Amino acid sequence: MPEGVGAVLMIGHFIVSIFNVQLGQPVIYSMPFDSMKSCEYYANMMPKEAKIDIEWKHITRSQCFTTAQFKKMMEQRNGITNPGGKPVE
C-alpha cells in the first residue's frame, strides 16, 4: 500500500434474481482512502440496490477496512501465511 492510505473500501456488485439466485460471479474491487472517515463517507454514498427489470436486481455491498485489516485479509486470501499464522517474508 502506498504511504498515506489509512483505509480501504471494498465494493461488491451482485446481480440477483427474484428467487435470490445470483447471476454469475460478483465484481469485487477496492479503493484506497486517506482516512476511515472519508472511506465511510464514500461508502454511505454508494447505491445499495437497483431494479434492472422484472426479474433481476443489482445489489451493491461495501465495507471499509483499516489498511492493516485489508493487508491481513489479502494475505490470508492469497495463502501467504505460515501454519503458525505469521506472514511469509
Protein backbone atom coordinates (compact mmCIF):
# COMPACT_ATOMS: atom_id res chain seq x y z
CA MET A 1 0.00 0.00 0.00
CA PRO A 2 1.26 3.49 -0.76
CA GLU A 3 2.01 5.91 2.08
CA GLY A 4 -0.98 7.92 3.23
CA VAL A 5 -3.53 5.12 2.79
CA GLY A 6 -5.40 4.81 6.08
CA ALA A 7 -8.42 2.82 4.94
CA VAL A 8 -9.61 0.65 2.06
CA LEU A 9 -13.17 0.41 0.77
CA MET A 10 -14.13 -2.98 -0.68
CA ILE A 11 -17.10 -2.90 -3.03
CA GLY A 12 -19.01 -5.86 -4.44
CA HIS A 13 -21.61 -5.77 -7.22
CA PHE A 14 -24.09 -8.65 -7.50
CA ILE A 15 -26.90 -9.41 -9.95
CA VAL A 16 -29.66 -11.43 -8.26
CA SER A 17 -33.00 -12.82 -9.49
CA ILE A 18 -36.34 -12.52 -7.70
CA PHE A 19 -35.67 -16.09 -6.49
CA ASN A 20 -32.37 -14.94 -4.88
CA VAL A 21 -30.30 -16.79 -7.48
CA GLN A 22 -27.03 -14.99 -8.25
CA LEU A 23 -26.20 -14.47 -11.93
CA GLY A 24 -22.52 -15.26 -12.43
CA GLN A 25 -19.66 -14.12 -10.24
CA PRO A 26 -19.76 -10.81 -8.38
CA VAL A 27 -17.49 -7.94 -9.40
CA ILE A 28 -15.38 -7.01 -6.36
CA TYR A 29 -12.81 -4.24 -6.20
CA SER A 30 -11.18 -1.96 -3.64
CA MET A 31 -10.44 1.76 -3.37
CA PRO A 32 -7.83 3.38 -1.09
CA PHE A 33 -8.67 6.36 1.15
CA ASP A 34 -6.56 8.58 3.35
CA SER A 35 -8.75 8.02 6.42
CA MET A 36 -11.51 5.78 7.75
CA LYS A 37 -13.79 8.83 7.95
CA SER A 38 -13.52 9.58 4.22
CA CYS A 39 -13.92 5.87 3.42
CA GLU A 40 -17.12 5.60 5.45
CA TYR A 41 -18.46 8.82 3.89
CA TYR A 42 -17.95 7.41 0.38
CA ALA A 43 -19.38 4.01 1.39
CA ASN A 44 -22.58 5.72 2.55
CA MET A 45 -22.90 7.41 -0.85
CA MET A 46 -22.92 4.07 -2.72
CA PRO A 47 -26.30 2.88 -4.05
CA LYS A 48 -27.46 -0.26 -2.24
CA GLU A 49 -29.96 -1.78 -4.67
CA ALA A 50 -31.38 -1.04 -8.12
CA LYS A 51 -34.03 -2.90 -10.07
CA ILE A 52 -32.83 -3.89 -13.55
CA ASP A 53 -36.08 -5.37 -14.83
CA ILE A 54 -38.98 -7.51 -13.59
CA GLU A 55 -36.73 -10.44 -12.65
CA TRP A 56 -33.27 -9.03 -11.88
CA LYS A 57 -31.81 -6.52 -9.44
CA HIS A 58 -28.35 -5.09 -8.94
CA ILE A 59 -27.10 -5.14 -5.33
CA THR A 60 -24.02 -3.27 -4.12
CA ARG A 61 -22.30 -4.17 -0.85
CA SER A 62 -19.42 -2.16 0.57
CA GLN A 63 -17.30 -2.16 3.72
CA CYS A 64 -14.37 -0.09 4.98
CA PHE A 65 -11.27 -1.72 6.44
CA THR A 66 -8.17 -0.24 8.03
CA THR A 67 -5.03 -0.73 5.96
CA ALA A 68 -3.77 -3.35 8.44
CA GLN A 69 -7.06 -5.29 8.29
CA PHE A 70 -7.03 -5.18 4.50
CA LYS A 71 -3.42 -6.38 4.24
CA LYS A 72 -4.11 -9.25 6.66
CA MET A 73 -7.24 -10.26 4.74
CA MET A 74 -5.37 -10.25 1.41
CA GLU A 75 -2.50 -12.29 2.86
CA GLN A 76 -4.98 -14.89 4.15
CA ARG A 77 -6.83 -14.96 0.83
CA ASN A 78 -3.61 -15.38 -1.12
CA GLY A 79 -2.29 -18.03 1.28
CA ILE A 80 0.79 -16.04 2.24
CA THR A 81 0.86 -17.15 5.87
CA ASN A 82 2.68 -19.99 7.56
CA PRO A 83 0.75 -22.60 9.57
CA GLY A 84 1.66 -20.53 12.68
CA GLY A 85 -0.15 -17.55 11.17
CA LYS A 86 2.95 -15.43 10.62
CA PRO A 87 3.37 -13.74 7.22
CA VAL A 88 5.98 -15.24 4.90
CA GLU A 89 8.89 -12.84 4.34
